[in-house]
Amino acid sequence: MNVALSDQTIATFRDDGVVKIPRVVEKDQIDEILEVATAQLAEPGTWVTDTNPGASTGRLFTTRYLWPDVGAVNRFAFESGVAEIAGRLMGATSSRLYFDHLLIKEPETANPTPWHQDIPYWPFLGKQICSIWVACSDATVEESSLEFLRGSHLWDAYYAPEAFGDSAKEWVADFDGERCPDVEAARDEFDIVGFDVEAGDAIAFSSWIVHGARGNAGPNRRVALSTRWLGDDSTWYPHPGCDPMVGDADTTAVAGEYPADDERFPVGWRLE
């Protein structure tokens, strides 16, 4: 691991639900992911959201679940140290990879990422579930780095997922639940924390924290790779409205039990 986690960093993650960790991933791995981003924009994979295909501005593009087929993403997930960071921040004895998520906002992209929780989108329950979002390009909050409602991972809330593109509208429509608060309409009423980042910095956050991102008002492409990790208390919980990327037919995981499926959810780190 490139970064030693202090007790204060772990405590901040526990209390706030989010923490920024500078200089987590080395430049050579960041450069590999930037090459992957260029290739994916040209020839998208299976699990894609693309708001303006082919455009050099005004385009929000995401693609997921590349680690089984793309060597650079596999190495990033299992060799960069992000798996250990996730496990140690969660206080877990191991961390399993759920999926990788490459997120790109081209310059002058007005589309924000709506305020949301991650957990309702995913077929899991448990408090030890988190993301390690690594900046692959420098970005300020105004250039679509992330913002969070500090401490909202501790709320007794499980909000209905928002559709981030036309491909998601059908499956999230099946979810019946309370909508996420309209944060933009009353920003002064919330404890919002945002992070400017440089390439290689990581933002670690709980799957339960409410977060979002503004459009990219800057002149440069914003690229990030987020890996999603499962800790000890995670249980398999397929439900209406969750992401169909991995379902019951794809895994040996049993509903209500720990997802000990080494093929679909491989272990990235174990406590020694």
C-alpha atoms as a PDB file:
ATOM      1  CA  MET A   1       0.000   0.000   0.000  1.00  0.00           C
ATOM      2  CA  ASN A   2       1.304   3.457  -0.887  1.00  0.00           C
ATOM      3  CA  VAL A   3      -0.376   5.250   2.025  1.00  0.00           C
ATOM      4  CA  ALA A   4      -0.303   4.514   5.757  1.00  0.00           C
ATOM      5  CA  LEU A   5      -3.697   5.261   7.272  1.00  0.00           C
ATOM      6  CA  SER A   6      -3.547   7.225  10.498  1.00  0.00           C
ATOM      7  CA  ASP A   7      -5.948   6.695  13.380  1.00  0.00           C
ATOM      8  CA  GLN A   8      -7.345  10.159  12.600  1.00  0.00           C
ATOM      9  CA  THR A   9      -8.059   9.212   8.987  1.00  0.00           C
ATOM     10  CA  ILE A  10      -9.901   6.082  10.089  1.00  0.00           C
ATOM     11  CA  ALA A  11     -11.846   8.063  12.709  1.00  0.00           C
ATOM     12  CA  THR A  12     -12.826  10.702  10.133  1.00  0.00           C
ATOM     13  CA  PHE A  13     -14.125   8.007   7.810  1.00  0.00           C
ATOM     14  CA  ARG A  14     -16.111   6.459  10.662  1.00  0.00           C
ATOM     15  CA  ASP A  15     -17.643   9.758  11.821  1.00  0.00           C
ATOM     16  CA  ASP A  16     -18.059  11.691   8.556  1.00  0.00           C
ATOM     17  CA  GLY A  17     -18.572   8.771   6.170  1.00  0.00           C
ATOM     18  CA  VAL A  18     -15.962  10.199   3.796  1.00  0.00           C
ATOM     19  CA  VAL A  19     -12.275  11.066   3.779  1.00  0.00           C
ATOM     20  CA  LYS A  20      -9.795  12.300   1.172  1.00  0.00           C
ATOM     21  CA  ILE A  21      -6.448  10.504   1.028  1.00  0.00           C
ATOM     22  CA  PRO A  22      -3.794  12.244  -1.095  1.00  0.00           C
ATOM     23  CA  ARG A  23      -1.401  10.476  -3.465  1.00  0.00           C
ATOM     24  CA  VAL A  24      -2.773   6.955  -3.206  1.00  0.00           C
ATOM     25  CA  VAL A  25      -2.138   5.688  -6.748  1.00  0.00           C
ATOM     26  CA  GLU A  26       1.123   6.029  -8.676  1.00  0.00           C
ATOM     27  CA  LYS A  27       1.349   7.958 -11.943  1.00  0.00           C
ATOM     28  CA  ASP A  28       2.023   4.891 -14.117  1.00  0.00           C
ATOM     29  CA  GLN A  29      -1.244   3.284 -13.059  1.00  0.00           C
ATOM     30  CA  ILE A  30      -3.124   6.557 -13.526  1.00  0.00           C
ATOM     31  CA  ASP A  31      -1.695   6.820 -17.055  1.00  0.00           C
ATOM     32  CA  GLU A  32      -2.914   3.280 -17.795  1.00  0.00           C
ATOM     33  CA  ILE A  33      -6.438   4.178 -16.699  1.00  0.00           C
ATOM     34  CA  LEU A  34      -6.409   7.319 -18.845  1.00  0.00           C
ATOM     35  CA  GLU A  35      -5.569   5.101 -21.822  1.00  0.00           C
ATOM     36  CA  VAL A  36      -8.478   2.834 -20.882  1.00  0.00           C
ATOM     37  CA  ALA A  37     -10.761   5.887 -20.707  1.00  0.00           C
ATOM     38  CA  THR A  38      -9.814   6.952 -24.224  1.00  0.00           C
ATOM     39  CA  ALA A  39     -10.369   3.433 -25.540  1.00  0.00           C
ATOM     40  CA  GLN A  40     -13.743   3.080 -23.810  1.00  0.00           C
ATOM     41  CA  LEU A  41     -14.990   6.397 -25.170  1.00  0.00           C
ATOM     42  CA  ALA A  42     -14.161   5.171 -28.664  1.00  0.00           C
ATOM     43  CA  GLU A  43     -15.490   1.625 -28.223  1.00  0.00           C
ATOM     44  CA  PRO A  44     -17.792   1.391 -25.173  1.00  0.00           C
ATOM     45  CA  GLY A  45     -18.239  -1.863 -23.293  1.00  0.00           C
ATOM     46  CA  THR A  46     -21.412  -3.551 -22.055  1.00  0.00           C
ATOM     47  CA  TRP A  47     -22.436  -1.569 -18.966  1.00  0.00           C
ATOM     48  CA  VAL A  48     -22.412   2.011 -20.238  1.00  0.00           C
ATOM     49  CA  THR A  49     -24.236   5.269 -19.607  1.00  0.00           C
ATOM     50  CA  ASP A  50     -23.538   7.868 -22.297  1.00  0.00           C
ATOM     51  CA  THR A  51     -25.484  11.119 -22.439  1.00  0.00           C
ATOM     52  CA  ASN A  52     -23.971  12.541 -25.641  1.00  0.00           C
ATOM     53  CA  PRO A  53     -22.138   9.838 -27.610  1.00  0.00           C
ATOM     54  CA  GLY A  54     -19.144  10.959 -29.624  1.00  0.00           C
ATOM     55  CA  ALA A  55     -19.105  14.556 -28.400  1.00  0.00           C
ATOM     56  CA  SER A  56     -15.947  16.240 -27.094  1.00  0.00           C
ATOM     57  CA  THR A  57     -17.934  18.560 -24.798  1.00  0.00           C
ATOM     58  CA  GLY A  58     -21.209  18.146 -22.952  1.00  0.00           C
ATOM     59  CA  ARG A  59     -20.754  14.389 -22.503  1.00  0.00           C
ATOM     60  CA  LEU A  60     -21.232  12.344 -19.332  1.00  0.00           C
ATOM     61  CA  PHE A  61     -19.936   8.804 -19.834  1.00  0.00           C
ATOM     62  CA  THR A  62     -19.632   5.931 -17.387  1.00  0.00           C
ATOM     63  CA  THR A  63     -18.764   2.278 -17.845  1.00  0.00           C
ATOM     64  CA  ARG A  64     -18.604  -0.535 -15.293  1.00  0.00           C
ATOM     65  CA  TYR A  65     -17.360  -4.026 -14.606  1.00  0.00           C
ATOM     66  CA  LEU A  66     -14.168  -3.883 -16.644  1.00  0.00           C
ATOM     67  CA  TRP A  67     -11.877  -5.761 -14.257  1.00  0.00           C
ATOM     68  CA  PRO A  68     -12.498  -9.276 -15.676  1.00  0.00           C
ATOM     69  CA  ASP A  69     -11.408  -8.237 -19.192  1.00  0.00           C
ATOM     70  CA  VAL A  70      -9.250  -5.110 -18.973  1.00  0.00           C
ATOM     71  CA  GLY A  71      -5.806  -5.768 -17.518  1.00  0.00           C
ATOM     72  CA  ALA A  72      -5.122  -2.181 -16.433  1.00  0.00           C
ATOM     73  CA  VAL A  73      -8.337  -2.064 -14.405  1.00  0.00           C
ATOM     74  CA  ASN A  74      -7.630  -5.475 -12.878  1.00  0.00           C
ATOM     75  CA  ARG A  75      -4.168  -4.358 -11.802  1.00  0.00           C
ATOM     76  CA  PHE A  76      -5.580  -1.120 -10.432  1.00  0.00           C
ATOM     77  CA  ALA A  77      -8.155  -2.954  -8.311  1.00  0.00           C
ATOM     78  CA  PHE A  78      -5.845  -5.633  -6.945  1.00  0.00           C
ATOM     79  CA  GLU A  79      -2.353  -4.118  -6.969  1.00  0.00           C
ATOM     80  CA  SER A  80      -2.683  -0.369  -6.284  1.00  0.00           C
ATOM     81  CA  GLY A  81      -3.551  -0.724  -2.594  1.00  0.00           C
ATOM     82  CA  VAL A  82      -7.132   0.532  -2.838  1.00  0.00           C
ATOM     83  CA  ALA A  83      -8.478  -2.828  -1.607  1.00  0.00           C
ATOM     84  CA  GLU A  84      -6.442  -2.583   1.586  1.00  0.00           C
ATOM     85  CA  ILE A  85      -7.471   1.026   2.132  1.00  0.00           C
ATOM     86  CA  ALA A  86     -11.110   0.000   1.843  1.00  0.00           C
ATOM     87  CA  GLY A  87     -10.741  -2.906   4.251  1.00  0.00           C
ATOM     88  CA  ARG A  88      -8.860  -0.942   6.874  1.00  0.00           C
ATOM     89  CA  LEU A  89     -11.189   2.059   6.735  1.00  0.00           C
ATOM     90  CA  MET A  90     -14.210  -0.212   7.142  1.00  0.00           C
ATOM     91  CA  GLY A  91     -12.590  -2.085  10.027  1.00  0.00           C
ATOM     92  CA  ALA A  92     -13.055  -5.326   8.110  1.00  0.00           C
ATOM     93  CA  THR A  93     -10.902  -8.455   7.999  1.00  0.00           C
ATOM     94  CA  SER A  94     -11.171  -8.585   4.211  1.00  0.00           C
ATOM     95  CA  SER A  95     -12.463  -6.618   1.250  1.00  0.00           C
ATOM     96  CA  ARG A  96     -14.161  -8.130  -1.797  1.00  0.00           C
ATOM     97  CA  LEU A  97     -14.537  -6.270  -5.080  1.00  0.00           C
ATOM     98  CA  TYR A  98     -18.118  -5.701  -6.198  1.00  0.00           C
ATOM     99  CA  PHE A  99     -17.275  -3.739  -9.358  1.00  0.00           C
ATOM    100  CA  ASP A 100     -15.162  -1.014 -10.901  1.00  0.00           C
ATOM    101  CA  HIS A 101     -16.745   2.163 -12.258  1.00  0.00           C
ATOM    102  CA  LEU A 102     -15.003   4.457 -14.747  1.00  0.00           C
ATOM    103  CA  LEU A 103     -16.558   7.938 -14.738  1.00  0.00           C
ATOM    104  CA  ILE A 104     -15.823  10.615 -17.349  1.00  0.00           C
ATOM    105  CA  LYS A 105     -17.189  14.130 -17.737  1.00  0.00           C
ATOM    106  CA  GLU A 106     -16.019  16.000 -20.769  1.00  0.00           C
ATOM    107  CA  PRO A 107     -15.432  19.787 -20.596  1.00  0.00           C
ATOM    108  CA  GLU A 108     -18.482  22.048 -20.537  1.00  0.00           C
ATOM    109  CA  THR A 109     -20.770  19.247 -19.385  1.00  0.00           C
ATOM    110  CA  ALA A 110     -23.709  20.759 -17.553  1.00  0.00           C
ATOM    111  CA  ASN A 111     -25.096  17.412 -16.374  1.00  0.00           C
ATOM    112  CA  PRO A 112     -24.679  17.055 -12.612  1.00  0.00           C
ATOM    113  CA  THR A 113     -24.522  13.710 -10.872  1.00  0.00           C
ATOM    114  CA  PRO A 114     -27.734  13.826  -8.790  1.00  0.00           C
ATOM    115  CA  TRP A 115     -27.534  13.637  -5.012  1.00  0.00           C
ATOM    116  CA  HIS A 116     -27.976   9.998  -4.049  1.00  0.00           C
ATOM    117  CA  GLN A 117     -26.877   7.076  -1.896  1.00  0.00           C
ATOM    118  CA  ASP A 118     -25.110   4.150  -3.537  1.00  0.00           C
ATOM    119  CA  ILE A 119     -26.475   1.356  -1.356  1.00  0.00           C
ATOM    120  CA  PRO A 120     -30.039   1.197  -2.815  1.00  0.00           C
ATOM    121  CA  TYR A 121     -28.595   0.610  -6.309  1.00  0.00           C
ATOM    122  CA  TRP A 122     -26.626  -2.414  -5.201  1.00  0.00           C
ATOM    123  CA  PRO A 123     -27.764  -5.971  -4.353  1.00  0.00           C
ATOM    124  CA  PHE A 124     -26.153  -5.883  -0.908  1.00  0.00           C
ATOM    125  CA  LEU A 125     -26.825  -4.777   2.636  1.00  0.00           C
ATOM    126  CA  GLY A 126     -24.295  -4.000   5.350  1.00  0.00           C
ATOM    127  CA  LYS A 127     -22.492  -1.022   6.815  1.00  0.00           C
ATOM    128  CA  GLN A 128     -19.082  -2.282   5.692  1.00  0.00           C
ATOM    129  CA  ILE A 129     -19.566  -1.389   2.032  1.00  0.00           C
ATOM    130  CA  CYS A 130     -17.615   1.500   0.535  1.00  0.00           C
ATOM    131  CA  SER A 131     -16.101   3.082  -2.548  1.00  0.00           C
ATOM    132  CA  ILE A 132     -12.556   4.218  -3.210  1.00  0.00           C
ATOM    133  CA  TRP A 133     -12.943   6.937  -5.875  1.00  0.00           C
ATOM    134  CA  VAL A 134      -9.569   7.788  -7.382  1.00  0.00           C
ATOM    135  CA  ALA A 135      -9.036  10.935  -9.425  1.00  0.00           C
ATOM    136  CA  CYS A 136      -7.239  10.245 -12.702  1.00  0.00           C
ATOM    137  CA  SER A 137      -7.206  13.942 -13.583  1.00  0.00           C
ATOM    138  CA  ASP A 138      -7.014  17.084 -11.462  1.00  0.00           C
ATOM    139  CA  ALA A 139     -10.456  18.453 -10.623  1.00  0.00           C
ATOM    140  CA  THR A 140     -12.035  21.061  -8.394  1.00  0.00           C
ATOM    141  CA  VAL A 141     -15.560  20.789  -7.038  1.00  0.00           C
ATOM    142  CA  GLU A 142     -16.614  23.195  -9.809  1.00  0.00           C
ATOM    143  CA  GLU A 143     -15.062  20.761 -12.307  1.00  0.00           C
ATOM    144  CA  SER A 144     -17.178  17.889 -10.985  1.00  0.00           C
ATOM    145  CA  SER A 145     -15.204  16.523  -8.081  1.00  0.00           C
ATOM    146  CA  LEU A 146     -17.443  15.015  -5.409  1.00  0.00           C
ATOM    147  CA  GLU A 147     -19.534  16.613  -2.657  1.00  0.00           C
ATOM    148  CA  PHE A 148     -21.053  14.845   0.346  1.00  0.00           C
ATOM    149  CA  LEU A 149     -23.554  15.407   3.151  1.00  0.00           C
ATOM    150  CA  ARG A 150     -21.181  14.856   6.028  1.00  0.00           C
ATOM    151  CA  GLY A 151     -22.448  12.258   8.498  1.00  0.00           C
ATOM    152  CA  SER A 152     -25.444  11.240   6.382  1.00  0.00           C
ATOM    153  CA  HIS A 153     -24.219   7.615   6.365  1.00  0.00           C
ATOM    154  CA  LEU A 154     -25.470   7.522   9.966  1.00  0.00           C
ATOM    155  CA  TRP A 155     -28.992   8.641   9.094  1.00  0.00           C
ATOM    156  CA  ASP A 156     -31.766   6.072   9.298  1.00  0.00           C
ATOM    157  CA  ALA A 157     -32.387   6.440   5.549  1.00  0.00           C
ATOM    158  CA  TYR A 158     -32.525   4.239   2.458  1.00  0.00           C
ATOM    159  CA  TYR A 159     -33.447   6.464  -0.476  1.00  0.00           C
ATOM    160  CA  ALA A 160     -34.898   5.472  -3.826  1.00  0.00           C
ATOM    161  CA  PRO A 161     -32.220   5.446  -6.539  1.00  0.00           C
ATOM    162  CA  GLU A 162     -32.118   8.134  -9.211  1.00  0.00           C
ATOM    163  CA  ALA A 163     -31.716   7.252 -12.896  1.00  0.00           C
ATOM    164  CA  PHE A 164     -28.395   8.565 -14.216  1.00  0.00           C
ATOM    165  CA  GLY A 165     -29.300   7.844 -17.829  1.00  0.00           C
ATOM    166  CA  ASP A 166     -31.921   6.286 -20.072  1.00  0.00           C
ATOM    167  CA  SER A 167     -30.434   2.807 -19.598  1.00  0.00           C
ATOM    168  CA  ALA A 168     -31.175   2.920 -15.868  1.00  0.00           C
ATOM    169  CA  LYS A 169     -34.706   4.317 -15.982  1.00  0.00           C
ATOM    170  CA  GLU A 170     -36.356   0.928 -16.408  1.00  0.00           C
ATOM    171  CA  TRP A 171     -34.679  -0.901 -13.554  1.00  0.00           C
ATOM    172  CA  VAL A 172     -34.728   1.891 -10.968  1.00  0.00           C
ATOM    173  CA  ALA A 173     -38.441   2.428 -11.639  1.00  0.00           C
ATOM    174  CA  ASP A 174     -39.151  -0.837  -9.804  1.00  0.00           C
ATOM    175  CA  PHE A 175     -37.901   0.594  -6.504  1.00  0.00           C
ATOM    176  CA  ASP A 176     -40.546   1.894  -4.096  1.00  0.00           C
ATOM    177  CA  GLY A 177     -39.108   4.266  -1.513  1.00  0.00           C
ATOM    178  CA  GLU A 178     -38.516   7.773  -0.220  1.00  0.00           C
ATOM    179  CA  ARG A 179     -36.784  10.182  -2.585  1.00  0.00           C
ATOM    180  CA  CYS A 180     -33.410  11.662  -1.676  1.00  0.00           C
ATOM    181  CA  PRO A 181     -33.647  15.223  -0.306  1.00  0.00           C
ATOM    182  CA  ASP A 182     -33.445  18.041  -2.835  1.00  0.00           C
ATOM    183  CA  VAL A 183     -30.074  19.275  -1.647  1.00  0.00           C
ATOM    184  CA  GLU A 184     -29.600  21.836  -4.414  1.00  0.00           C
ATOM    185  CA  ALA A 185     -32.808  23.597  -3.431  1.00  0.00           C
ATOM    186  CA  ALA A 186     -31.573  24.155   0.130  1.00  0.00           C
ATOM    187  CA  ARG A 187     -27.780  23.794   0.215  1.00  0.00           C
ATOM    188  CA  ASP A 188     -27.465  26.048   3.278  1.00  0.00           C
ATOM    189  CA  GLU A 189     -29.515  23.594   5.311  1.00  0.00           C
ATOM    190  CA  PHE A 190     -27.004  20.762   4.917  1.00  0.00           C
ATOM    191  CA  ASP A 191     -23.460  20.114   6.074  1.00  0.00           C
ATOM    192  CA  ILE A 192     -21.847  19.806   2.642  1.00  0.00           C
ATOM    193  CA  VAL A 193     -18.191  18.940   2.234  1.00  0.00           C
ATOM    194  CA  GLY A 194     -16.441  18.814  -1.142  1.00  0.00           C
ATOM    195  CA  PHE A 195     -12.927  17.899  -2.214  1.00  0.00           C
ATOM    196  CA  ASP A 196     -10.644  19.356  -4.845  1.00  0.00           C
ATOM    197  CA  VAL A 197      -8.361  16.558  -6.075  1.00  0.00           C
ATOM    198  CA  GLU A 198      -5.169  15.936  -7.992  1.00  0.00           C
ATOM    199  CA  ALA A 199      -4.550  12.857 -10.113  1.00  0.00           C
ATOM    200  CA  GLY A 200      -3.792   9.934  -7.798  1.00  0.00           C
ATOM    201  CA  ASP A 201      -5.787  11.283  -4.840  1.00  0.00           C
ATOM    202  CA  ALA A 202      -8.543   9.075  -3.430  1.00  0.00           C
ATOM    203  CA  ILE A 203     -11.886   9.892  -1.868  1.00  0.00           C
ATOM    204  CA  ALA A 204     -13.120   6.997   0.271  1.00  0.00           C
ATOM    205  CA  PHE A 205     -16.782   6.998   1.217  1.00  0.00           C
ATOM    206  CA  SER A 206     -19.491   4.838   2.711  1.00  0.00           C
ATOM    207  CA  SER A 207     -22.129   3.384   0.407  1.00  0.00           C
ATOM    208  CA  TRP A 208     -24.709   4.969   2.731  1.00  0.00           C
ATOM    209  CA  ILE A 209     -23.530   8.586   2.495  1.00  0.00           C
ATOM    210  CA  VAL A 210     -25.525  11.027   0.350  1.00  0.00           C
ATOM    211  CA  HIS A 211     -23.316  12.525  -2.347  1.00  0.00           C
ATOM    212  CA  GLY A 212     -23.318  14.103  -5.786  1.00  0.00           C
ATOM    213  CA  ALA A 213     -21.209  16.083  -8.238  1.00  0.00           C
ATOM    214  CA  ARG A 214     -21.711  19.243 -10.242  1.00  0.00           C
ATOM    215  CA  GLY A 215     -21.372  19.457 -13.975  1.00  0.00           C
ATOM    216  CA  ASN A 216     -17.888  19.985 -15.345  1.00  0.00           C
ATOM    217  CA  ALA A 217     -17.588  23.719 -15.886  1.00  0.00           C
ATOM    218  CA  GLY A 218     -13.868  23.509 -16.573  1.00  0.00           C
ATOM    219  CA  PRO A 219     -11.884  23.202 -19.809  1.00  0.00           C
ATOM    220  CA  ASN A 220     -10.525  19.711 -19.155  1.00  0.00           C
ATOM    221  CA  ARG A 221     -11.852  16.153 -19.134  1.00  0.00           C
ATOM    222  CA  ARG A 222     -12.579  14.798 -15.649  1.00  0.00           C
ATOM    223  CA  VAL A 223     -11.734  11.111 -15.257  1.00  0.00           C
ATOM    224  CA  ALA A 224     -12.090   8.982 -12.134  1.00  0.00           C
ATOM    225  CA  LEU A 225     -12.051   5.264 -11.404  1.00  0.00           C
ATOM    226  CA  SER A 226     -14.108   4.111  -8.444  1.00  0.00           C
ATOM    227  CA  THR A 227     -13.859   0.605  -7.018  1.00  0.00           C
ATOM    228  CA  ARG A 228     -16.643  -0.703  -4.775  1.00  0.00           C
ATOM    229  CA  TRP A 229     -15.751  -2.956  -1.830  1.00  0.00           C
ATOM    230  CA  LEU A 230     -17.600  -5.374   0.440  1.00  0.00           C
ATOM    231  CA  GLY A 231     -16.595  -5.924   4.078  1.00  0.00           C
ATOM    232  CA  ASP A 232     -17.375  -8.570   6.683  1.00  0.00           C
ATOM    233  CA  ASP A 233     -21.007  -7.674   7.376  1.00  0.00           C
ATOM    234  CA  SER A 234     -22.077  -7.533   3.712  1.00  0.00           C
ATOM    235  CA  THR A 235     -24.969  -9.763   2.725  1.00  0.00           C
ATOM    236  CA  TRP A 236     -26.407 -10.579  -0.688  1.00  0.00           C
ATOM    237  CA  TYR A 237     -29.658  -8.636  -1.110  1.00  0.00           C
ATOM    238  CA  PRO A 238     -31.050  -8.616  -4.658  1.00  0.00           C
ATOM    239  CA  HIS A 239     -34.162  -6.432  -4.721  1.00  0.00           C
ATOM    240  CA  PRO A 240     -36.395  -4.502  -7.135  1.00  0.00           C
ATOM    241  CA  GLY A 241     -34.606  -1.461  -8.503  1.00  0.00           C
ATOM    242  CA  CYS A 242     -31.043  -2.668  -7.939  1.00  0.00           C
ATOM    243  CA  ASP A 243     -28.383  -2.794 -10.629  1.00  0.00           C
ATOM    244  CA  PRO A 244     -28.863  -5.862 -12.896  1.00  0.00           C
ATOM    245  CA  MET A 245     -25.138  -6.104 -13.632  1.00  0.00           C
ATOM    246  CA  VAL A 246     -24.787  -9.123 -11.296  1.00  0.00           C
ATOM    247  CA  GLY A 247     -27.955 -10.980 -10.319  1.00  0.00           C
ATOM    248  CA  ASP A 248     -28.981 -14.265  -8.741  1.00  0.00           C
ATOM    249  CA  ALA A 249     -28.310 -16.160 -11.961  1.00  0.00           C
ATOM    250  CA  ASP A 250     -24.716 -14.879 -12.066  1.00  0.00           C
ATOM    251  CA  THR A 251     -23.497 -15.728  -8.570  1.00  0.00           C
ATOM    252  CA  THR A 252     -23.377 -18.476  -5.968  1.00  0.00           C
ATOM    253  CA  ALA A 253     -24.258 -15.906  -3.278  1.00  0.00           C
ATOM    254  CA  VAL A 254     -27.343 -16.704  -1.213  1.00  0.00           C
ATOM    255  CA  ALA A 255     -29.814 -13.992  -0.201  1.00  0.00           C
ATOM    256  CA  GLY A 256     -29.221 -12.867   3.377  1.00  0.00           C
ATOM    257  CA  GLU A 257     -25.753 -14.410   3.558  1.00  0.00           C
ATOM    258  CA  TYR A 258     -22.191 -13.167   3.100  1.00  0.00           C
ATOM    259  CA  PRO A 259     -21.346 -13.155  -0.651  1.00  0.00           C
ATOM    260  CA  ALA A 260     -18.426 -15.603  -0.573  1.00  0.00           C
ATOM    261  CA  ASP A 261     -18.249 -15.879  -4.357  1.00  0.00           C
ATOM    262  CA  ASP A 262     -14.570 -15.696  -5.297  1.00  0.00           C
ATOM    263  CA  GLU A 263     -15.328 -15.516  -9.015  1.00  0.00           C
ATOM    264  CA  ARG A 264     -17.849 -12.657  -9.060  1.00  0.00           C
ATOM    265  CA  PHE A 265     -16.704 -10.881  -5.879  1.00  0.00           C
ATOM    266  CA  PRO A 266     -13.004 -11.698  -5.516  1.00  0.00           C
ATOM    267  CA  VAL A 267     -11.042 -10.909  -2.376  1.00  0.00           C
ATOM    268  CA  GLY A 268      -8.713  -7.959  -2.882  1.00  0.00           C
ATOM    269  CA  TRP A 269      -7.215  -7.859   0.608  1.00  0.00           C
ATOM    270  CA  ARG A 270      -7.162  -9.880   3.826  1.00  0.00           C
ATOM    271  CA  LEU A 271      -6.008  -8.827   7.265  1.00  0.00           C
ATOM    272  CA  GLU A 272      -2.884 -10.768   8.236  1.00  0.00           C
END
